[in-house]
Amino acid sequence: GSLEKHVLAAVSDGTFDSWAEYLEKDSKHLRHIESHQPTFNAGVFVTDLSRWHEQEILEKLEGWITRHRLALEDFYFGTQSIMNLAFYRDFQHLPSAWNVQPLGWYDDIPEETLQNGKILHWAGKRKPWLADGLYKEYWIDYAIGQEPG
């Protein structure tokens, strides 16, 4: 597929509604943010590196970090917020199969979702290599040093 006019493509996974506390903390800089706008998990994304460099995205991200450093210190989402602020209203939406997550938080993800996933993302505390890890059967064939099958 194409990124169309976008620099970045990602699976939409929520809205800025979940960031209400953060938006209140830094309302001076973030008055333009509408809480109902979609956000994405920055752990998995696709980018056009030529456009990334042409549009000086690294500099843009560094600018957001500098402006919001104090608010970010207490903010749970860490760098997720910077990516979402930088690409506010400006990312290509990918089908959810391209970032099936958070496999490290929930033990009730439907089997069909897991089997049809293109990328399985273990966001969360229960990584598959840990004793209490989730969905190990989907990970083990790809583990370093393991023989498939």
N, C-alpha and C. Protein backbone atom coordinates (compact mmCIF):
# COMPACT_ATOMS: atom_id res chain seq x y z
N GLY A 1 0.81 -1.19 0.00
CA GLY A 1 0.00 0.00 0.00
C GLY A 1 0.85 1.25 0.00
N SER A 2 0.20 2.34 -0.14
CA SER A 2 0.86 3.63 -0.22
C SER A 2 0.66 4.42 1.07
N LEU A 3 1.63 5.25 1.39
CA LEU A 3 1.47 6.16 2.53
C LEU A 3 0.73 7.42 2.09
N GLU A 4 0.33 7.46 0.82
CA GLU A 4 -0.33 8.63 0.25
C GLU A 4 0.54 9.85 0.52
N LYS A 5 0.02 10.88 1.15
CA LYS A 5 0.79 12.10 1.40
C LYS A 5 1.47 12.07 2.77
N HIS A 6 1.33 10.98 3.51
CA HIS A 6 1.82 10.91 4.87
C HIS A 6 3.27 10.45 4.97
N VAL A 7 3.90 10.81 6.06
CA VAL A 7 5.25 10.36 6.38
C VAL A 7 5.17 9.03 7.13
N LEU A 8 4.08 8.82 7.85
CA LEU A 8 3.98 7.70 8.77
C LEU A 8 2.63 7.01 8.64
N ALA A 9 2.63 5.68 8.83
CA ALA A 9 1.41 4.89 8.88
C ALA A 9 1.46 4.03 10.14
N ALA A 10 0.31 3.90 10.81
CA ALA A 10 0.24 3.12 12.05
C ALA A 10 -1.21 2.70 12.29
N VAL A 11 -1.36 1.75 13.20
CA VAL A 11 -2.69 1.29 13.59
C VAL A 11 -3.25 2.25 14.64
N SER A 12 -4.42 2.78 14.38
CA SER A 12 -5.08 3.65 15.35
C SER A 12 -5.50 2.81 16.54
N ASP A 13 -5.19 3.29 17.76
CA ASP A 13 -5.51 2.47 18.93
C ASP A 13 -6.20 3.24 20.04
N GLY A 14 -6.68 4.41 19.77
CA GLY A 14 -7.36 5.15 20.82
C GLY A 14 -7.55 6.59 20.39
N THR A 15 -7.80 7.44 21.39
CA THR A 15 -7.97 8.87 21.13
C THR A 15 -7.23 9.65 22.20
N PHE A 16 -7.11 10.93 21.97
CA PHE A 16 -6.48 11.80 22.95
C PHE A 16 -7.33 11.92 24.23
N ASP A 17 -8.56 11.39 24.21
CA ASP A 17 -9.38 11.38 25.44
C ASP A 17 -8.61 10.73 26.58
N SER A 18 -7.85 9.68 26.25
CA SER A 18 -7.11 8.97 27.29
C SER A 18 -5.93 9.78 27.80
N TRP A 19 -5.65 10.89 27.16
CA TRP A 19 -4.54 11.74 27.56
C TRP A 19 -5.02 12.99 28.30
N ALA A 20 -6.24 12.97 28.79
CA ALA A 20 -6.84 14.17 29.39
C ALA A 20 -5.94 14.84 30.42
N GLU A 21 -5.34 14.05 31.30
CA GLU A 21 -4.47 14.61 32.35
C GLU A 21 -3.28 15.34 31.73
N TYR A 22 -2.68 14.74 30.73
CA TYR A 22 -1.53 15.35 30.07
C TYR A 22 -1.93 16.64 29.37
N LEU A 23 -3.05 16.61 28.66
CA LEU A 23 -3.50 17.80 27.94
C LEU A 23 -3.77 18.94 28.91
N GLU A 24 -4.29 18.63 30.10
CA GLU A 24 -4.54 19.66 31.11
C GLU A 24 -3.23 20.23 31.64
N LYS A 25 -2.24 19.37 31.86
CA LYS A 25 -0.94 19.80 32.39
C LYS A 25 -0.24 20.79 31.47
N ASP A 26 -0.39 20.59 30.17
CA ASP A 26 0.36 21.39 29.22
C ASP A 26 -0.58 22.15 28.29
N SER A 27 -1.65 22.66 28.83
CA SER A 27 -2.66 23.30 27.99
C SER A 27 -2.13 24.54 27.27
N LYS A 28 -1.07 25.15 27.79
CA LYS A 28 -0.49 26.33 27.15
C LYS A 28 -0.05 26.01 25.71
N HIS A 29 0.58 24.86 25.52
CA HIS A 29 1.08 24.49 24.20
C HIS A 29 0.10 23.63 23.41
N LEU A 30 -0.88 23.04 24.07
CA LEU A 30 -1.70 22.03 23.42
C LEU A 30 -3.16 22.43 23.24
N ARG A 31 -3.43 23.71 23.20
CA ARG A 31 -4.82 24.16 23.05
C ARG A 31 -5.47 23.65 21.78
N HIS A 32 -4.67 23.38 20.75
CA HIS A 32 -5.21 22.96 19.46
C HIS A 32 -5.58 21.48 19.42
N ILE A 33 -5.21 20.70 20.43
CA ILE A 33 -5.46 19.26 20.41
C ILE A 33 -6.92 18.98 20.73
N GLU A 34 -7.57 18.23 19.86
CA GLU A 34 -8.95 17.80 20.09
C GLU A 34 -8.89 16.38 20.64
N SER A 35 -9.49 16.18 21.79
CA SER A 35 -9.35 14.91 22.49
C SER A 35 -9.93 13.71 21.75
N HIS A 36 -10.85 13.92 20.83
CA HIS A 36 -11.45 12.80 20.11
C HIS A 36 -10.63 12.34 18.90
N GLN A 37 -9.51 12.98 18.63
CA GLN A 37 -8.67 12.60 17.49
C GLN A 37 -7.97 11.27 17.75
N PRO A 38 -7.81 10.44 16.73
CA PRO A 38 -7.17 9.14 16.92
C PRO A 38 -5.68 9.25 17.24
N THR A 39 -5.22 8.29 18.03
CA THR A 39 -3.81 8.16 18.36
C THR A 39 -3.34 6.79 17.89
N PHE A 40 -2.05 6.54 18.02
CA PHE A 40 -1.51 5.25 17.60
C PHE A 40 -0.43 4.81 18.58
N ASN A 41 -0.16 3.51 18.58
CA ASN A 41 0.92 2.97 19.38
C ASN A 41 2.19 3.10 18.55
N ALA A 42 3.15 3.87 19.03
CA ALA A 42 4.37 4.15 18.27
C ALA A 42 5.37 3.00 18.31
N GLY A 43 5.02 1.89 18.94
CA GLY A 43 5.91 0.74 18.94
C GLY A 43 5.99 0.06 17.59
N VAL A 44 4.97 0.25 16.75
CA VAL A 44 4.96 -0.33 15.41
C VAL A 44 4.43 0.72 14.45
N PHE A 45 5.27 1.14 13.52
CA PHE A 45 4.81 2.07 12.49
C PHE A 45 5.65 1.89 11.24
N VAL A 46 5.14 2.42 10.14
CA VAL A 46 5.84 2.39 8.86
C VAL A 46 6.12 3.84 8.49
N THR A 47 7.29 4.10 7.95
CA THR A 47 7.60 5.47 7.56
C THR A 47 8.28 5.52 6.21
N ASP A 48 8.13 6.64 5.55
CA ASP A 48 8.84 6.93 4.32
C ASP A 48 10.07 7.74 4.73
N LEU A 49 11.24 7.10 4.74
CA LEU A 49 12.45 7.75 5.24
C LEU A 49 12.83 8.99 4.43
N SER A 50 12.55 8.99 3.14
CA SER A 50 12.85 10.19 2.34
C SER A 50 12.02 11.37 2.83
N ARG A 51 10.73 11.13 3.02
CA ARG A 51 9.86 12.21 3.53
C ARG A 51 10.23 12.58 4.96
N TRP A 52 10.62 11.57 5.77
CA TRP A 52 11.04 11.82 7.15
C TRP A 52 12.17 12.84 7.16
N HIS A 53 13.17 12.64 6.31
CA HIS A 53 14.31 13.56 6.24
C HIS A 53 13.91 14.89 5.61
N GLU A 54 13.17 14.85 4.51
CA GLU A 54 12.74 16.08 3.83
C GLU A 54 11.95 16.99 4.75
N GLN A 55 11.08 16.41 5.56
CA GLN A 55 10.21 17.20 6.44
C GLN A 55 10.84 17.43 7.81
N GLU A 56 12.09 17.03 7.97
CA GLU A 56 12.85 17.26 9.21
C GLU A 56 12.08 16.79 10.45
N ILE A 57 11.61 15.55 10.38
CA ILE A 57 10.80 14.99 11.45
C ILE A 57 11.61 14.86 12.74
N LEU A 58 12.87 14.46 12.65
CA LEU A 58 13.69 14.35 13.86
C LEU A 58 13.75 15.68 14.60
N GLU A 59 13.96 16.75 13.88
CA GLU A 59 13.99 18.08 14.49
C GLU A 59 12.64 18.44 15.10
N LYS A 60 11.57 18.06 14.42
CA LYS A 60 10.22 18.31 14.93
C LYS A 60 10.01 17.56 16.26
N LEU A 61 10.43 16.29 16.29
CA LEU A 61 10.29 15.49 17.51
C LEU A 61 11.12 16.08 18.65
N GLU A 62 12.35 16.48 18.34
CA GLU A 62 13.20 17.10 19.37
C GLU A 62 12.57 18.39 19.90
N GLY A 63 11.93 19.15 19.02
CA GLY A 63 11.23 20.36 19.44
C GLY A 63 10.10 20.06 20.41
N TRP A 64 9.30 19.03 20.09
CA TRP A 64 8.21 18.63 20.99
C TRP A 64 8.76 18.19 22.35
N ILE A 65 9.85 17.44 22.33
CA ILE A 65 10.45 16.98 23.59
C ILE A 65 10.92 18.17 24.42
N THR A 66 11.57 19.13 23.80
CA THR A 66 12.05 20.31 24.51
C THR A 66 10.89 21.09 25.11
N ARG A 67 9.84 21.33 24.32
CA ARG A 67 8.70 22.12 24.79
C ARG A 67 7.90 21.43 25.89
N HIS A 68 7.86 20.10 25.87
CA HIS A 68 6.98 19.37 26.78
C HIS A 68 7.72 18.53 27.80
N ARG A 69 9.00 18.78 27.97
CA ARG A 69 9.83 17.96 28.84
C ARG A 69 9.27 17.85 30.26
N LEU A 70 8.86 18.95 30.85
CA LEU A 70 8.38 18.90 32.23
C LEU A 70 7.08 18.11 32.35
N ALA A 71 6.16 18.32 31.44
CA ALA A 71 4.90 17.58 31.48
C ALA A 71 5.15 16.10 31.24
N LEU A 72 6.13 15.76 30.41
CA LEU A 72 6.40 14.36 30.07
C LEU A 72 7.01 13.58 31.22
N GLU A 73 7.68 14.25 32.15
CA GLU A 73 8.34 13.53 33.25
C GLU A 73 7.38 12.66 34.03
N ASP A 74 6.16 13.12 34.20
CA ASP A 74 5.17 12.36 34.96
C ASP A 74 4.17 11.64 34.05
N PHE A 75 4.39 11.68 32.76
CA PHE A 75 3.39 11.17 31.84
C PHE A 75 3.65 9.71 31.51
N TYR A 76 2.67 8.88 31.72
CA TYR A 76 2.78 7.43 31.57
C TYR A 76 3.20 7.00 30.16
N PHE A 77 2.70 7.65 29.15
CA PHE A 77 2.92 7.19 27.78
C PHE A 77 4.30 7.51 27.22
N GLY A 78 5.12 8.26 27.92
CA GLY A 78 6.49 8.55 27.49
C GLY A 78 6.57 9.07 26.08
N THR A 79 7.41 8.45 25.25
CA THR A 79 7.62 8.93 23.89
C THR A 79 6.42 8.69 22.98
N GLN A 80 5.48 7.87 23.40
CA GLN A 80 4.24 7.71 22.61
C GLN A 80 3.62 9.08 22.37
N SER A 81 3.62 9.89 23.41
CA SER A 81 2.97 11.20 23.31
C SER A 81 3.65 12.07 22.27
N ILE A 82 4.98 12.06 22.24
CA ILE A 82 5.71 12.89 21.29
C ILE A 82 5.38 12.48 19.85
N MET A 83 5.39 11.19 19.59
CA MET A 83 5.06 10.72 18.25
C MET A 83 3.63 11.11 17.86
N ASN A 84 2.70 10.96 18.80
CA ASN A 84 1.32 11.30 18.49
C ASN A 84 1.11 12.79 18.33
N LEU A 85 1.82 13.59 19.10
CA LEU A 85 1.72 15.04 18.92
C LEU A 85 2.32 15.46 17.59
N ALA A 86 3.46 14.89 17.25
CA ALA A 86 4.13 15.25 16.00
C ALA A 86 3.30 14.85 14.78
N PHE A 87 2.55 13.75 14.89
CA PHE A 87 1.75 13.27 13.76
C PHE A 87 0.25 13.43 14.00
N TYR A 88 -0.10 14.39 14.84
CA TYR A 88 -1.50 14.71 15.13
C TYR A 88 -2.24 14.95 13.81
N ARG A 89 -3.30 14.18 13.59
CA ARG A 89 -4.13 14.28 12.38
C ARG A 89 -3.35 14.03 11.10
N ASP A 90 -2.19 13.44 11.18
CA ASP A 90 -1.36 13.32 9.99
C ASP A 90 -0.66 11.96 9.92
N PHE A 91 -1.44 10.89 10.01
CA PHE A 91 -0.86 9.57 9.78
C PHE A 91 -1.84 8.71 9.02
N GLN A 92 -1.29 7.84 8.21
CA GLN A 92 -2.10 6.90 7.43
C GLN A 92 -2.53 5.78 8.38
N HIS A 93 -3.80 5.45 8.38
CA HIS A 93 -4.30 4.40 9.26
C HIS A 93 -4.10 3.03 8.61
N LEU A 94 -3.50 2.11 9.38
CA LEU A 94 -3.30 0.73 8.93
C LEU A 94 -4.37 -0.17 9.56
N PRO A 95 -4.69 -1.28 8.91
CA PRO A 95 -5.61 -2.25 9.51
C PRO A 95 -5.04 -2.78 10.83
N SER A 96 -5.90 -3.10 11.76
CA SER A 96 -5.48 -3.50 13.11
C SER A 96 -4.58 -4.74 13.12
N ALA A 97 -4.65 -5.59 12.11
CA ALA A 97 -3.80 -6.78 12.06
C ALA A 97 -2.31 -6.45 12.02
N TRP A 98 -1.98 -5.21 11.65
CA TRP A 98 -0.58 -4.81 11.54
C TRP A 98 0.02 -4.39 12.87
N ASN A 99 -0.74 -4.41 13.94
CA ASN A 99 -0.20 -4.17 15.28
C ASN A 99 -1.18 -4.76 16.30
N VAL A 100 -1.15 -6.09 16.44
CA VAL A 100 -2.02 -6.76 17.40
C VAL A 100 -1.36 -6.60 18.77
N GLN A 101 -2.01 -5.86 19.63
CA GLN A 101 -1.43 -5.54 20.94
C GLN A 101 -2.54 -5.14 21.91
N PRO A 102 -2.27 -5.09 23.17
CA PRO A 102 -1.02 -5.33 23.89
C PRO A 102 -0.97 -6.75 24.46
N LEU A 103 -0.23 -7.61 23.81
CA LEU A 103 -0.19 -9.02 24.19
C LEU A 103 0.40 -9.25 25.58
N GLY A 104 1.12 -8.31 26.12
CA GLY A 104 1.69 -8.46 27.46
C GLY A 104 0.77 -7.99 28.57
N TRP A 105 -0.41 -7.50 28.24
CA TRP A 105 -1.35 -7.03 29.26
C TRP A 105 -2.58 -7.91 29.38
N TYR A 106 -3.13 -8.37 28.26
CA TYR A 106 -4.41 -9.05 28.28
C TYR A 106 -4.30 -10.52 27.89
N ASP A 107 -4.96 -11.38 28.66
CA ASP A 107 -4.92 -12.81 28.36
C ASP A 107 -6.19 -13.29 27.64
N ASP A 108 -6.99 -12.36 27.15
CA ASP A 108 -8.24 -12.74 26.50
C ASP A 108 -8.35 -12.25 25.05
N ILE A 109 -7.21 -12.07 24.39
CA ILE A 109 -7.24 -11.67 22.98
C ILE A 109 -7.73 -12.87 22.17
N PRO A 110 -8.74 -12.66 21.34
CA PRO A 110 -9.33 -13.78 20.59
C PRO A 110 -8.30 -14.51 19.73
N GLU A 111 -8.42 -15.84 19.69
CA GLU A 111 -7.52 -16.69 18.91
C GLU A 111 -7.47 -16.27 17.45
N GLU A 112 -8.62 -15.94 16.88
CA GLU A 112 -8.69 -15.53 15.48
C GLU A 112 -7.87 -14.25 15.24
N THR A 113 -7.92 -13.32 16.18
CA THR A 113 -7.14 -12.08 16.06
C THR A 113 -5.66 -12.39 16.05
N LEU A 114 -5.24 -13.29 16.94
CA LEU A 114 -3.83 -13.68 17.01
C LEU A 114 -3.38 -14.39 15.73
N GLN A 115 -4.18 -15.31 15.25
CA GLN A 115 -3.82 -16.08 14.06
C GLN A 115 -3.78 -15.23 12.80
N ASN A 116 -4.62 -14.20 12.73
CA ASN A 116 -4.68 -13.34 11.56
C ASN A 116 -3.76 -12.12 11.66
N GLY A 117 -3.09 -11.97 12.79
CA GLY A 117 -2.21 -10.82 12.99
C GLY A 117 -0.99 -10.87 12.09
N LYS A 118 -0.61 -9.72 11.57
CA LYS A 118 0.61 -9.60 10.76
C LYS A 118 1.81 -9.34 11.67
N ILE A 119 1.60 -8.50 12.69
CA ILE A 119 2.63 -8.20 13.70
C ILE A 119 1.99 -8.36 15.07
N LEU A 120 2.58 -9.22 15.89
CA LEU A 120 2.12 -9.40 17.26
C LEU A 120 3.03 -8.59 18.16
N HIS A 121 2.45 -7.72 18.97
CA HIS A 121 3.19 -6.73 19.74
C HIS A 121 2.97 -6.96 21.23
N TRP A 122 4.02 -7.39 21.91
CA TRP A 122 3.94 -7.66 23.34
C TRP A 122 4.18 -6.40 24.15
N ALA A 123 3.35 -5.38 23.97
CA ALA A 123 3.40 -4.22 24.86
C ALA A 123 2.83 -4.71 26.19
N GLY A 124 3.42 -4.30 27.28
CA GLY A 124 2.93 -4.73 28.58
C GLY A 124 3.97 -5.51 29.36
N LYS A 125 3.62 -5.89 30.57
CA LYS A 125 4.57 -6.49 31.51
C LYS A 125 4.83 -7.97 31.30
N ARG A 126 3.89 -8.68 30.68
CA ARG A 126 4.01 -10.14 30.60
C ARG A 126 4.56 -10.58 29.24
N LYS A 127 5.84 -10.24 29.01
CA LYS A 127 6.53 -10.61 27.78
C LYS A 127 6.63 -12.13 27.69
N PRO A 128 6.64 -12.70 26.49
CA PRO A 128 6.59 -14.15 26.35
C PRO A 128 7.83 -14.88 26.87
N TRP A 129 8.93 -14.24 27.03
CA TRP A 129 10.15 -14.90 27.53
C TRP A 129 10.20 -14.93 29.05
N LEU A 130 9.24 -14.29 29.71
CA LEU A 130 9.17 -14.32 31.17
C LEU A 130 8.33 -15.52 31.63
N ALA A 131 8.55 -15.94 32.87
CA ALA A 131 7.83 -17.10 33.41
C ALA A 131 6.31 -16.93 33.30
N ASP A 132 5.81 -15.72 33.56
CA ASP A 132 4.37 -15.48 33.50
C ASP A 132 3.93 -14.85 32.18
N GLY A 133 4.77 -14.98 31.15
CA GLY A 133 4.50 -14.38 29.85
C GLY A 133 3.25 -14.95 29.19
N LEU A 134 2.67 -14.15 28.33
CA LEU A 134 1.44 -14.52 27.63
C LEU A 134 1.74 -14.87 26.17
N TYR A 135 0.94 -15.76 25.64
CA TYR A 135 0.97 -16.12 24.22
C TYR A 135 2.34 -16.63 23.77
N LYS A 136 3.01 -17.38 24.63
CA LYS A 136 4.34 -17.93 24.33
C LYS A 136 4.33 -18.77 23.06
N GLU A 137 3.23 -19.46 22.81
CA GLU A 137 3.16 -20.36 21.65
C GLU A 137 3.29 -19.60 20.33
N TYR A 138 2.98 -18.32 20.32
CA TYR A 138 3.12 -17.51 19.10
C TYR A 138 4.53 -16.94 18.95
N TRP A 139 5.26 -16.93 20.02
CA TRP A 139 6.58 -16.31 20.06
C TRP A 139 7.72 -17.33 19.94
N ILE A 140 7.53 -18.50 20.50
CA ILE A 140 8.63 -19.44 20.70
C ILE A 140 9.37 -19.81 19.40
N ASP A 141 8.65 -19.95 18.29
CA ASP A 141 9.32 -20.31 17.03
C ASP A 141 10.25 -19.21 16.52
N TYR A 142 10.10 -18.01 17.03
CA TYR A 142 10.93 -16.89 16.59
C TYR A 142 11.99 -16.51 17.61
N ALA A 143 12.00 -17.19 18.72
CA ALA A 143 12.96 -16.89 19.79
C ALA A 143 14.38 -17.23 19.33
N ILE A 144 15.30 -16.39 19.68
CA ILE A 144 16.71 -16.62 19.34
C ILE A 144 17.17 -17.92 19.96
N GLY A 145 17.83 -18.74 19.15
CA GLY A 145 18.38 -20.00 19.65
C GLY A 145 17.38 -21.13 19.66
N GLN A 146 16.17 -20.91 19.24
CA GLN A 146 15.15 -21.96 19.22
C GLN A 146 15.00 -22.51 17.82
N GLU A 147 14.76 -23.79 17.72
CA GLU A 147 14.47 -24.41 16.43
C GLU A 147 12.96 -24.30 16.17
N PRO A 148 12.55 -23.85 14.99
CA PRO A 148 11.11 -23.78 14.68
C PRO A 148 10.48 -25.17 14.75
N GLY A 149 9.19 -25.18 15.13
CA GLY A 149 8.45 -26.44 15.13
C GLY A 149 8.42 -27.00 16.43
